[in-house]
């Protein structure tokens, strides 16, 4: 996932942003702004997540330098890096992105520099320092996983059968001849006319 990119007439090892994202690195709001400002300060081509390299010095450059960087390109990059639902994206930044894309009724940014100055209020630290941190976070090795420990298979003992519950309904006996016991009649009842 390390890509070699040429930058300022010397070669440095850099990491493609698409590879970092593939490793699960998601840029926080201030990191996406730092990337946008670095690309605005050093236009290099059409900045898409697949066309951006981050260098160990905190620089950002395009793998392919074909095309001219525009405000719309940078705003579109920010929209891709901070999609709707991304936490901690202030409404004024969303508005600046929409203005950069030309989808709100507001005058367009007159230059890359004007857009960069608007984004500056959303920064947290120098762009290159922030981008170095992103690169270090993405370059950290994954936690080493120990090989599984082989276990001796144990015989599977089925659980003991559970006795069926007793019927809770009452038992009905078949009807047959009944023995009827009569009380002896009292003396007053025994005298019949």
N, C-alpha and C. Protein backbone atom coordinates (compact mmCIF):
# COMPACT_ATOMS: atom_id res chain seq x y z
N UNK A 1 0.80 -1.20 0.00
CA UNK A 1 0.00 0.00 0.00
C UNK A 1 0.84 1.26 0.00
N UNK A 2 2.15 1.12 -0.01
CA UNK A 2 3.03 2.27 -0.13
C UNK A 2 3.23 2.54 -1.61
N UNK A 3 3.05 3.77 -2.00
CA UNK A 3 3.17 4.15 -3.40
C UNK A 3 4.32 5.13 -3.51
N UNK A 4 5.13 4.99 -4.52
CA UNK A 4 6.23 5.93 -4.72
C UNK A 4 5.77 7.02 -5.66
N UNK A 5 5.79 8.26 -5.18
CA UNK A 5 5.37 9.40 -5.99
C UNK A 5 6.53 10.36 -6.12
N UNK A 6 6.63 11.02 -7.26
CA UNK A 6 7.67 12.02 -7.44
C UNK A 6 7.15 13.36 -6.96
N UNK A 7 7.94 14.06 -6.17
CA UNK A 7 7.53 15.33 -5.60
C UNK A 7 8.75 16.23 -5.51
N UNK A 8 8.71 17.41 -6.12
CA UNK A 8 9.81 18.38 -6.07
C UNK A 8 11.15 17.76 -6.50
N UNK A 9 11.16 17.06 -7.59
CA UNK A 9 12.37 16.52 -8.21
C UNK A 9 13.08 15.47 -7.36
N UNK A 10 12.50 14.99 -6.31
CA UNK A 10 13.08 13.86 -5.58
C UNK A 10 11.97 12.87 -5.27
N UNK A 11 12.35 11.66 -4.98
CA UNK A 11 11.37 10.62 -4.74
C UNK A 11 11.23 10.40 -3.25
N UNK A 12 9.99 10.32 -2.79
CA UNK A 12 9.74 10.00 -1.39
C UNK A 12 8.66 8.94 -1.34
N UNK A 13 8.66 8.19 -0.27
CA UNK A 13 7.61 7.19 -0.11
C UNK A 13 6.38 7.88 0.44
N UNK A 14 5.28 7.62 -0.20
CA UNK A 14 4.03 8.21 0.23
C UNK A 14 2.96 7.13 0.23
N UNK A 15 1.84 7.46 0.81
CA UNK A 15 0.72 6.52 0.84
C UNK A 15 -0.45 7.14 0.11
N UNK A 16 -1.05 6.37 -0.77
CA UNK A 16 -2.22 6.85 -1.48
C UNK A 16 -3.39 6.95 -0.51
N UNK A 17 -4.13 8.04 -0.60
CA UNK A 17 -5.28 8.24 0.28
C UNK A 17 -6.28 7.10 0.15
N UNK A 18 -6.45 6.59 -1.06
CA UNK A 18 -7.41 5.49 -1.26
C UNK A 18 -6.99 4.25 -0.47
N UNK A 19 -5.69 4.02 -0.33
CA UNK A 19 -5.21 2.87 0.45
C UNK A 19 -5.47 3.08 1.95
N UNK A 20 -5.24 4.31 2.41
CA UNK A 20 -5.53 4.61 3.82
C UNK A 20 -7.01 4.38 4.11
N UNK A 21 -7.84 4.86 3.21
CA UNK A 21 -9.28 4.69 3.41
C UNK A 21 -9.66 3.22 3.35
N UNK A 22 -8.99 2.46 2.49
CA UNK A 22 -9.22 1.02 2.42
C UNK A 22 -8.84 0.30 3.70
N UNK A 23 -7.90 0.87 4.45
CA UNK A 23 -7.48 0.30 5.75
C UNK A 23 -8.39 0.77 6.88
N UNK A 24 -9.42 1.53 6.54
CA UNK A 24 -10.38 1.97 7.56
C UNK A 24 -10.08 3.32 8.16
N UNK A 25 -9.09 4.06 7.61
CA UNK A 25 -8.79 5.39 8.13
C UNK A 25 -9.82 6.37 7.56
N UNK A 26 -10.56 7.01 8.45
CA UNK A 26 -11.53 8.02 8.05
C UNK A 26 -11.03 9.36 8.54
N UNK A 27 -11.04 10.34 7.66
CA UNK A 27 -10.55 11.65 8.06
C UNK A 27 -11.59 12.37 8.90
N UNK A 28 -11.13 12.95 9.99
CA UNK A 28 -11.99 13.81 10.79
C UNK A 28 -12.13 15.13 10.06
N UNK A 29 -13.06 15.96 10.50
CA UNK A 29 -13.35 17.22 9.81
C UNK A 29 -12.09 18.07 9.63
N UNK A 30 -11.34 18.30 10.72
CA UNK A 30 -10.16 19.17 10.62
C UNK A 30 -9.07 18.54 9.73
N UNK A 31 -9.04 17.22 9.65
CA UNK A 31 -8.05 16.55 8.79
C UNK A 31 -8.42 16.72 7.32
N UNK A 32 -9.70 16.61 7.00
CA UNK A 32 -10.15 16.82 5.61
C UNK A 32 -9.89 18.27 5.20
N UNK A 33 -10.11 19.20 6.12
CA UNK A 33 -9.85 20.62 5.83
C UNK A 33 -8.35 20.84 5.61
N UNK A 34 -7.51 20.21 6.44
CA UNK A 34 -6.06 20.35 6.28
C UNK A 34 -5.62 19.82 4.91
N UNK A 35 -6.19 18.70 4.50
CA UNK A 35 -5.87 18.14 3.18
C UNK A 35 -6.30 19.11 2.08
N UNK A 36 -7.51 19.64 2.18
CA UNK A 36 -8.02 20.58 1.17
C UNK A 36 -7.13 21.82 1.09
N UNK A 37 -6.74 22.36 2.25
CA UNK A 37 -5.90 23.56 2.24
C UNK A 37 -4.52 23.29 1.67
N UNK A 38 -3.97 22.12 1.94
CA UNK A 38 -2.66 21.77 1.38
C UNK A 38 -2.75 21.67 -0.14
N UNK A 39 -3.83 21.07 -0.63
CA UNK A 39 -4.01 20.95 -2.08
C UNK A 39 -4.31 22.30 -2.73
N UNK A 40 -4.99 23.18 -1.99
CA UNK A 40 -5.25 24.54 -2.52
C UNK A 40 -3.95 25.34 -2.58
N UNK A 41 -3.05 25.13 -1.62
CA UNK A 41 -1.77 25.85 -1.60
C UNK A 41 -0.82 25.34 -2.67
N UNK A 42 -0.96 24.06 -3.02
CA UNK A 42 -0.07 23.45 -4.02
C UNK A 42 -0.91 22.69 -5.04
N UNK A 43 -1.63 23.40 -5.92
CA UNK A 43 -2.49 22.71 -6.89
C UNK A 43 -1.65 21.75 -7.73
N UNK A 44 -2.22 20.55 -7.97
CA UNK A 44 -1.40 19.54 -8.63
C UNK A 44 -2.16 18.71 -9.66
N UNK A 45 -3.42 18.91 -9.88
CA UNK A 45 -4.21 18.09 -10.78
C UNK A 45 -5.63 18.03 -10.25
N UNK A 46 -6.36 17.01 -10.63
CA UNK A 46 -7.74 16.83 -10.15
C UNK A 46 -7.69 16.01 -8.87
N UNK A 47 -7.98 16.62 -7.71
CA UNK A 47 -7.86 15.91 -6.45
C UNK A 47 -9.08 15.04 -6.13
N UNK A 48 -8.94 13.76 -6.34
CA UNK A 48 -9.97 12.80 -5.93
C UNK A 48 -9.32 11.87 -4.91
N UNK A 49 -10.10 11.20 -4.09
CA UNK A 49 -9.47 10.29 -3.12
C UNK A 49 -8.55 9.25 -3.76
N UNK A 50 -8.83 8.87 -4.99
CA UNK A 50 -8.01 7.87 -5.69
C UNK A 50 -6.75 8.49 -6.29
N UNK A 51 -6.67 9.82 -6.36
CA UNK A 51 -5.57 10.49 -7.03
C UNK A 51 -4.69 11.29 -6.07
N UNK A 52 -4.80 11.04 -4.77
CA UNK A 52 -4.05 11.83 -3.79
C UNK A 52 -3.07 10.94 -3.04
N UNK A 53 -1.84 11.46 -2.87
CA UNK A 53 -0.80 10.81 -2.06
C UNK A 53 -0.52 11.71 -0.87
N UNK A 54 -0.28 11.11 0.28
CA UNK A 54 0.17 11.84 1.46
C UNK A 54 1.62 11.45 1.72
N UNK A 55 2.47 12.45 1.89
CA UNK A 55 3.88 12.21 2.15
C UNK A 55 4.22 12.28 3.62
N UNK A 56 5.35 11.68 3.98
CA UNK A 56 5.76 11.66 5.39
C UNK A 56 6.09 13.05 5.91
N UNK A 57 6.30 14.02 5.02
CA UNK A 57 6.56 15.40 5.45
C UNK A 57 5.26 16.19 5.63
N UNK A 58 4.10 15.50 5.48
CA UNK A 58 2.82 16.18 5.63
C UNK A 58 2.31 16.79 4.35
N UNK A 59 3.01 16.55 3.26
CA UNK A 59 2.57 17.10 1.98
C UNK A 59 1.45 16.26 1.40
N UNK A 60 0.73 16.85 0.47
CA UNK A 60 -0.30 16.15 -0.29
C UNK A 60 -0.08 16.50 -1.75
N UNK A 61 -0.18 15.50 -2.59
CA UNK A 61 0.00 15.73 -4.02
C UNK A 61 -0.90 14.78 -4.80
N UNK A 62 -1.01 15.06 -6.09
CA UNK A 62 -1.82 14.20 -6.96
C UNK A 62 -0.92 13.20 -7.66
N UNK A 63 -1.39 11.99 -7.79
CA UNK A 63 -0.64 10.95 -8.50
C UNK A 63 -0.58 11.32 -9.96
N UNK A 64 -1.73 11.66 -10.54
CA UNK A 64 -1.78 12.14 -11.92
C UNK A 64 -1.95 13.65 -11.88
N UNK A 65 -1.07 14.37 -12.55
CA UNK A 65 -1.13 15.82 -12.52
C UNK A 65 -1.92 16.39 -13.69
N UNK A 66 -2.63 15.53 -14.41
CA UNK A 66 -3.45 16.01 -15.53
C UNK A 66 -4.61 16.84 -14.99
N UNK A 67 -4.86 17.96 -15.63
CA UNK A 67 -5.97 18.83 -15.25
C UNK A 67 -5.53 19.91 -14.28
N UNK A 68 -6.39 20.90 -14.14
CA UNK A 68 -6.11 22.03 -13.26
C UNK A 68 -7.03 21.96 -12.04
N UNK A 69 -6.47 22.12 -10.86
CA UNK A 69 -7.27 22.12 -9.63
C UNK A 69 -8.20 23.33 -9.64
N UNK A 70 -9.45 23.08 -9.29
CA UNK A 70 -10.42 24.18 -9.19
C UNK A 70 -11.09 24.15 -7.83
N UNK A 71 -11.78 25.24 -7.49
CA UNK A 71 -12.53 25.31 -6.25
C UNK A 71 -13.57 24.19 -6.21
N UNK A 72 -14.23 23.95 -7.36
CA UNK A 72 -15.25 22.90 -7.42
C UNK A 72 -14.63 21.53 -7.12
N UNK A 73 -13.42 21.27 -7.64
CA UNK A 73 -12.75 19.99 -7.38
C UNK A 73 -12.48 19.80 -5.88
N UNK A 74 -11.99 20.86 -5.22
CA UNK A 74 -11.67 20.75 -3.79
C UNK A 74 -12.95 20.61 -2.97
N UNK A 75 -13.99 21.37 -3.35
CA UNK A 75 -15.28 21.25 -2.64
C UNK A 75 -15.85 19.85 -2.81
N UNK A 76 -15.71 19.29 -4.01
CA UNK A 76 -16.21 17.94 -4.27
C UNK A 76 -15.41 16.91 -3.46
N UNK A 77 -14.11 17.12 -3.32
CA UNK A 77 -13.28 16.25 -2.50
C UNK A 77 -13.76 16.29 -1.04
N UNK A 78 -14.01 17.49 -0.54
CA UNK A 78 -14.49 17.63 0.84
C UNK A 78 -15.83 16.94 1.02
N UNK A 79 -16.69 17.06 0.02
CA UNK A 79 -18.00 16.40 0.10
C UNK A 79 -17.82 14.89 0.15
N UNK A 80 -16.86 14.36 -0.60
CA UNK A 80 -16.60 12.91 -0.60
C UNK A 80 -16.00 12.45 0.73
N UNK A 81 -15.12 13.27 1.32
CA UNK A 81 -14.46 12.90 2.57
C UNK A 81 -15.35 13.11 3.80
N UNK A 82 -16.32 14.02 3.67
CA UNK A 82 -17.22 14.33 4.79
C UNK A 82 -18.67 14.18 4.33
N UNK A 83 -19.08 12.96 3.99
CA UNK A 83 -20.44 12.78 3.46
C UNK A 83 -21.50 13.15 4.49
N UNK A 84 -22.74 13.39 4.04
CA UNK A 84 -23.80 13.70 4.99
C UNK A 84 -23.85 12.63 6.08
N UNK A 85 -24.06 13.07 7.31
CA UNK A 85 -24.10 12.14 8.44
C UNK A 85 -22.78 12.05 9.17
N UNK A 86 -21.70 12.61 8.59
CA UNK A 86 -20.41 12.61 9.27
C UNK A 86 -20.53 13.49 10.51
N UNK A 87 -20.13 12.98 11.69
CA UNK A 87 -20.26 13.79 12.91
C UNK A 87 -19.29 14.96 12.93
N UNK A 88 -19.64 15.99 13.66
CA UNK A 88 -18.79 17.15 13.92
C UNK A 88 -18.39 17.94 12.69
N UNK A 89 -19.30 18.03 11.72
CA UNK A 89 -19.07 18.91 10.57
C UNK A 89 -19.96 20.13 10.78
N UNK A 90 -19.36 21.29 11.09
CA UNK A 90 -20.19 22.46 11.37
C UNK A 90 -20.99 22.91 10.14
N UNK A 91 -22.16 23.45 10.39
CA UNK A 91 -23.03 23.94 9.31
C UNK A 91 -22.32 24.97 8.43
N UNK A 92 -21.52 25.91 9.00
CA UNK A 92 -20.84 26.86 8.12
C UNK A 92 -19.86 26.18 7.15
N UNK A 93 -19.25 25.07 7.56
CA UNK A 93 -18.37 24.33 6.65
C UNK A 93 -19.20 23.67 5.56
N UNK A 94 -20.33 23.08 5.92
CA UNK A 94 -21.22 22.50 4.90
C UNK A 94 -21.63 23.57 3.89
N UNK A 95 -21.91 24.77 4.39
CA UNK A 95 -22.31 25.87 3.50
C UNK A 95 -21.15 26.26 2.58
N UNK A 96 -19.94 26.34 3.12
CA UNK A 96 -18.77 26.69 2.31
C UNK A 96 -18.55 25.64 1.21
N UNK A 97 -18.74 24.37 1.56
CA UNK A 97 -18.60 23.30 0.55
C UNK A 97 -19.67 23.48 -0.53
N UNK A 98 -20.91 23.71 -0.11
CA UNK A 98 -22.00 23.90 -1.08
C UNK A 98 -21.74 25.12 -1.95
N UNK A 99 -21.22 26.19 -1.34
CA UNK A 99 -20.89 27.39 -2.12
C UNK A 99 -19.77 27.08 -3.12
N UNK A 100 -18.78 26.31 -2.68
CA UNK A 100 -17.69 25.92 -3.57
C UNK A 100 -18.19 25.08 -4.74
N UNK A 101 -19.23 24.28 -4.49
CA UNK A 101 -19.82 23.45 -5.55
C UNK A 101 -20.76 24.25 -6.44
N UNK A 102 -21.13 25.45 -5.98
CA UNK A 102 -22.06 26.29 -6.75
C UNK A 102 -23.50 25.85 -6.64
N UNK A 103 -23.87 25.20 -5.54
CA UNK A 103 -25.24 24.69 -5.39
C UNK A 103 -26.09 25.53 -4.44
N UNK A 104 -25.55 26.66 -3.98
CA UNK A 104 -26.34 27.58 -3.16
C UNK A 104 -26.32 28.94 -3.84
N UNK A 105 -27.32 29.75 -3.51
CA UNK A 105 -27.37 31.09 -4.09
C UNK A 105 -26.44 32.00 -3.32
N UNK A 106 -25.22 32.04 -3.76
CA UNK A 106 -24.18 32.89 -3.17
C UNK A 106 -23.12 33.09 -4.24
N UNK A 107 -22.40 34.17 -4.17
CA UNK A 107 -21.35 34.36 -5.18
C UNK A 107 -20.30 33.27 -5.07
N UNK A 108 -19.79 32.78 -6.19
CA UNK A 108 -18.76 31.74 -6.12
C UNK A 108 -17.47 32.32 -5.53
N UNK A 109 -16.62 31.44 -5.05
CA UNK A 109 -15.32 31.89 -4.56
C UNK A 109 -14.53 32.40 -5.76
N UNK A 110 -13.90 33.53 -5.59
CA UNK A 110 -13.18 34.17 -6.70
C UNK A 110 -11.88 33.46 -7.05
N UNK A 111 -11.30 32.70 -6.08
CA UNK A 111 -10.02 32.05 -6.33
C UNK A 111 -9.82 30.89 -5.37
N UNK A 112 -8.80 30.10 -5.65
CA UNK A 112 -8.43 29.02 -4.75
C UNK A 112 -8.04 29.60 -3.39
N UNK A 113 -7.35 30.74 -3.41
CA UNK A 113 -6.90 31.37 -2.18
C UNK A 113 -8.09 31.83 -1.32
N UNK A 114 -9.13 32.38 -1.95
CA UNK A 114 -10.30 32.81 -1.18
C UNK A 114 -10.99 31.61 -0.52
N UNK A 115 -11.09 30.50 -1.25
CA UNK A 115 -11.69 29.30 -0.67
C UNK A 115 -10.83 28.78 0.48
N UNK A 116 -9.51 28.78 0.29
CA UNK A 116 -8.59 28.33 1.33
C UNK A 116 -8.73 29.18 2.59
N UNK A 117 -8.84 30.50 2.43
CA UNK A 117 -9.00 31.40 3.58
C UNK A 117 -10.31 31.13 4.31
N UNK A 118 -11.36 30.77 3.58
CA UNK A 118 -12.64 30.44 4.20
C UNK A 118 -12.52 29.16 5.01
N UNK A 119 -11.77 28.18 4.48
CA UNK A 119 -11.60 26.90 5.17
C UNK A 119 -10.69 27.02 6.40
N UNK A 120 -9.84 28.05 6.44
CA UNK A 120 -8.85 28.18 7.51
C UNK A 120 -9.50 28.21 8.89
N UNK A 121 -10.71 28.73 9.00
CA UNK A 121 -11.35 28.83 10.32
C UNK A 121 -11.75 27.47 10.88
N UNK A 122 -11.71 26.42 10.04
CA UNK A 122 -12.08 25.08 10.50
C UNK A 122 -10.87 24.20 10.78
N UNK A 123 -9.68 24.80 10.72
CA UNK A 123 -8.45 24.05 10.97
C UNK A 123 -8.19 23.87 12.46
N UNK A 124 -7.41 22.85 12.78
CA UNK A 124 -6.91 22.64 14.14
C UNK A 124 -5.43 22.31 14.00
N UNK A 125 -4.60 23.31 13.91
CA UNK A 125 -3.16 23.09 13.75
C UNK A 125 -2.74 23.28 12.29
N UNK A 126 -1.43 23.30 12.09
CA UNK A 126 -0.87 23.47 10.74
C UNK A 126 -1.22 22.26 9.88
N UNK A 127 -1.58 22.53 8.62
CA UNK A 127 -2.02 21.47 7.71
C UNK A 127 -1.04 20.31 7.65
N UNK A 128 0.24 20.61 7.49
CA UNK A 128 1.22 19.53 7.34
C UNK A 128 1.36 18.69 8.61
N UNK A 129 1.27 19.32 9.77
CA UNK A 129 1.33 18.56 11.02
C UNK A 129 0.13 17.62 11.13
N UNK A 130 -1.04 18.13 10.76
CA UNK A 130 -2.26 17.31 10.83
C UNK A 130 -2.16 16.14 9.86
N UNK A 131 -1.66 16.40 8.65
CA UNK A 131 -1.56 15.33 7.64
C UNK A 131 -0.50 14.29 8.03
N UNK A 132 0.56 14.72 8.69
CA UNK A 132 1.54 13.74 9.20
C UNK A 132 0.87 12.80 10.19
N UNK A 133 0.01 13.36 11.02
CA UNK A 133 -0.72 12.54 11.99
C UNK A 133 -1.62 11.52 11.31
N UNK A 134 -2.27 11.93 10.21
CA UNK A 134 -3.14 11.00 9.46
C UNK A 134 -2.29 9.87 8.90
N UNK A 135 -1.15 10.22 8.34
CA UNK A 135 -0.27 9.21 7.75
C UNK A 135 0.23 8.24 8.81
N UNK A 136 0.61 8.75 9.96
CA UNK A 136 1.09 7.87 11.04
C UNK A 136 -0.03 6.97 11.53
N UNK A 137 -1.22 7.51 11.64
CA UNK A 137 -2.36 6.70 12.09
C UNK A 137 -2.63 5.57 11.10
N UNK A 138 -2.53 5.88 9.82
CA UNK A 138 -2.79 4.86 8.79
C UNK A 138 -1.66 3.87 8.62
N UNK A 139 -0.45 4.27 8.99
CA UNK A 139 0.71 3.39 8.80
C UNK A 139 0.94 2.47 9.98
N UNK A 140 0.24 2.70 11.09
CA UNK A 140 0.41 1.83 12.25
C UNK A 140 0.08 0.40 11.88
N UNK A 141 0.93 -0.51 12.28
CA UNK A 141 0.61 -1.91 11.96
C UNK A 141 -0.63 -2.34 12.73
N UNK A 142 -1.34 -3.23 12.12
CA UNK A 142 -2.51 -3.79 12.81
C UNK A 142 -2.01 -4.55 14.02
N UNK A 143 -2.88 -4.76 14.96
CA UNK A 143 -2.50 -5.54 16.14
C UNK A 143 -2.07 -6.93 15.71
N UNK A 144 -0.90 -7.38 16.15
CA UNK A 144 -0.51 -8.74 15.77
C UNK A 144 -1.46 -9.74 16.42
N UNK A 145 -1.82 -10.70 15.65
CA UNK A 145 -2.71 -11.73 16.19
C UNK A 145 -1.91 -13.00 16.38
N UNK A 146 -2.06 -13.61 17.53
CA UNK A 146 -1.35 -14.85 17.82
C UNK A 146 -1.96 -15.98 17.02
N UNK A 147 -1.12 -16.92 16.59
CA UNK A 147 -1.70 -18.05 15.87
C UNK A 147 -2.62 -18.82 16.80
N UNK A 148 -3.65 -19.43 16.27
CA UNK A 148 -4.57 -20.16 17.14
C UNK A 148 -3.87 -21.33 17.82
N UNK A 149 -4.23 -21.60 19.04
CA UNK A 149 -3.66 -22.72 19.79
C UNK A 149 -4.48 -23.95 19.44
N UNK A 150 -3.74 -25.01 19.07
CA UNK A 150 -4.44 -26.24 18.68
C UNK A 150 -5.01 -26.89 19.93
N UNK A 151 -6.22 -27.32 19.84
CA UNK A 151 -6.87 -28.00 20.95
C UNK A 151 -7.13 -29.44 20.56
N UNK A 152 -7.01 -30.31 21.55
CA UNK A 152 -7.34 -31.71 21.32
C UNK A 152 -8.86 -31.82 21.29
N UNK A 153 -9.39 -32.41 20.23
CA UNK A 153 -10.84 -32.52 20.18
C UNK A 153 -11.37 -33.35 21.35
N UNK A 154 -12.41 -32.91 21.93
CA UNK A 154 -13.03 -33.64 23.04
C UNK A 154 -14.32 -34.26 22.54
N UNK A 155 -14.64 -35.46 23.05
CA UNK A 155 -15.90 -36.06 22.60
C UNK A 155 -17.07 -35.19 23.08
N UNK A 156 -18.03 -35.11 22.23
CA UNK A 156 -19.20 -34.32 22.57
C UNK A 156 -20.17 -35.21 23.33
N UNK A 157 -20.53 -34.81 24.54
CA UNK A 157 -21.47 -35.56 25.37
C UNK A 157 -22.82 -34.89 25.25
N UNK A 158 -23.80 -35.63 24.74
CA UNK A 158 -25.12 -35.00 24.62
C UNK A 158 -25.69 -34.76 26.02
N UNK A 159 -26.50 -33.75 26.16
CA UNK A 159 -27.09 -33.50 27.47
C UNK A 159 -28.03 -34.64 27.86
N UNK A 160 -28.15 -34.86 29.17
CA UNK A 160 -29.02 -35.91 29.69
C UNK A 160 -30.46 -35.61 29.29
N UNK A 161 -31.22 -36.66 28.94
CA UNK A 161 -32.61 -36.41 28.53
C UNK A 161 -33.41 -35.90 29.73
N UNK A 162 -34.29 -35.00 29.45
CA UNK A 162 -35.14 -34.42 30.48
C UNK A 162 -36.45 -35.20 30.47
N UNK A 163 -36.90 -35.70 31.67
CA UNK A 163 -38.16 -36.45 31.67
C UNK A 163 -39.32 -35.54 31.25
N UNK A 164 -40.26 -36.17 30.59
CA UNK A 164 -41.42 -35.41 30.12
C UNK A 164 -42.23 -34.96 31.32
N UNK A 165 -42.77 -33.77 31.27
CA UNK A 165 -43.57 -33.30 32.40
C UNK A 165 -44.84 -34.12 32.54
N UNK A 166 -45.30 -34.26 33.80
CA UNK A 166 -46.54 -35.00 34.06
C UNK A 166 -47.71 -34.20 33.54
N UNK A 167 -48.73 -34.96 33.13
CA UNK A 167 -49.91 -34.27 32.63
C UNK A 167 -50.57 -33.53 33.78
N UNK A 168 -50.99 -32.35 33.52
CA UNK A 168 -51.61 -31.55 34.57
C UNK A 168 -53.13 -31.61 34.52
N UNK A 169 -53.67 -32.23 33.48
CA UNK A 169 -55.14 -32.29 33.42
C UNK A 169 -55.63 -33.42 34.33
N UNK A 170 -56.87 -33.32 34.81
CA UNK A 170 -57.39 -34.36 35.71
C UNK A 170 -57.76 -35.60 34.90
N UNK A 171 -57.68 -36.73 35.56
CA UNK A 171 -57.98 -38.00 34.91
C UNK A 171 -59.48 -38.26 35.01
N UNK A 172 -60.08 -38.65 33.90
CA UNK A 172 -61.52 -38.93 33.87
C UNK A 172 -61.71 -40.44 33.87
N UNK A 173 -62.49 -40.92 34.83
CA UNK A 173 -62.77 -42.36 34.92
C UNK A 173 -63.99 -42.67 34.08
N UNK A 174 -64.02 -43.86 33.49
CA UNK A 174 -65.19 -44.21 32.69
C UNK A 174 -66.43 -44.38 33.61
N UNK A 175 -67.55 -44.08 33.05
CA UNK A 175 -68.81 -44.20 33.81
C UNK A 175 -69.28 -45.66 33.79
N UNK A 176 -69.73 -46.13 34.90
CA UNK A 176 -70.24 -47.50 35.00
C UNK A 176 -71.35 -47.52 36.04
N UNK A 177 -71.74 -48.71 36.51
CA UNK A 177 -72.78 -48.74 37.53
C UNK A 177 -72.30 -48.02 38.78
N UNK A 178 -73.22 -47.30 39.38
CA UNK A 178 -72.87 -46.54 40.58
C UNK A 178 -73.54 -47.15 41.79
N UNK A 179 -72.83 -47.10 42.85
CA UNK A 179 -73.39 -47.55 44.11
C UNK A 179 -74.01 -46.34 44.78
N UNK A 180 -75.26 -46.43 45.08
CA UNK A 180 -75.95 -45.32 45.72
C UNK A 180 -76.24 -45.73 47.15
N UNK A 181 -75.83 -44.96 48.09
CA UNK A 181 -76.06 -45.23 49.50
C UNK A 181 -77.16 -44.29 49.95
N UNK A 182 -78.20 -44.91 50.57
CA UNK A 182 -79.31 -44.09 51.05
C UNK A 182 -79.29 -44.07 52.55
N UNK A 183 -79.67 -42.98 53.08
CA UNK A 183 -79.79 -42.88 54.53
C UNK A 183 -81.05 -43.61 54.96
N UNK A 184 -80.98 -44.21 56.14
CA UNK A 184 -82.22 -44.84 56.61
C UNK A 184 -83.27 -43.74 56.85
N UNK A 185 -84.44 -44.11 56.59
CA UNK A 185 -85.53 -43.13 56.74
C UNK A 185 -85.82 -42.93 58.21
N UNK A 186 -86.19 -41.76 58.55
CA UNK A 186 -86.52 -41.46 59.96
C UNK A 186 -87.88 -42.08 60.27
N UNK A 187 -88.21 -42.23 61.52
CA UNK A 187 -89.46 -42.87 61.91
C UNK A 187 -90.65 -42.13 61.41
N UNK A 188 -90.58 -40.84 61.32
CA UNK A 188 -91.73 -40.11 60.84
C UNK A 188 -91.92 -40.32 59.35
N UNK A 189 -90.84 -40.62 58.64
CA UNK A 189 -90.99 -40.81 57.21
C UNK A 189 -91.36 -42.26 56.91
N UNK A 190 -91.11 -43.18 57.86
CA UNK A 190 -91.37 -44.58 57.57
C UNK A 190 -92.86 -44.93 57.67
N UNK A 191 -93.64 -44.20 58.41
CA UNK A 191 -95.05 -44.53 58.50
C UNK A 191 -95.76 -44.02 57.27
N UNK A 192 -96.17 -44.92 56.53
CA UNK A 192 -96.88 -44.58 55.30
C UNK A 192 -98.35 -44.86 55.46
N UNK A 193 -99.19 -44.16 54.90
CA UNK A 193 -100.64 -44.43 55.04
C UNK A 193 -101.10 -45.68 54.38
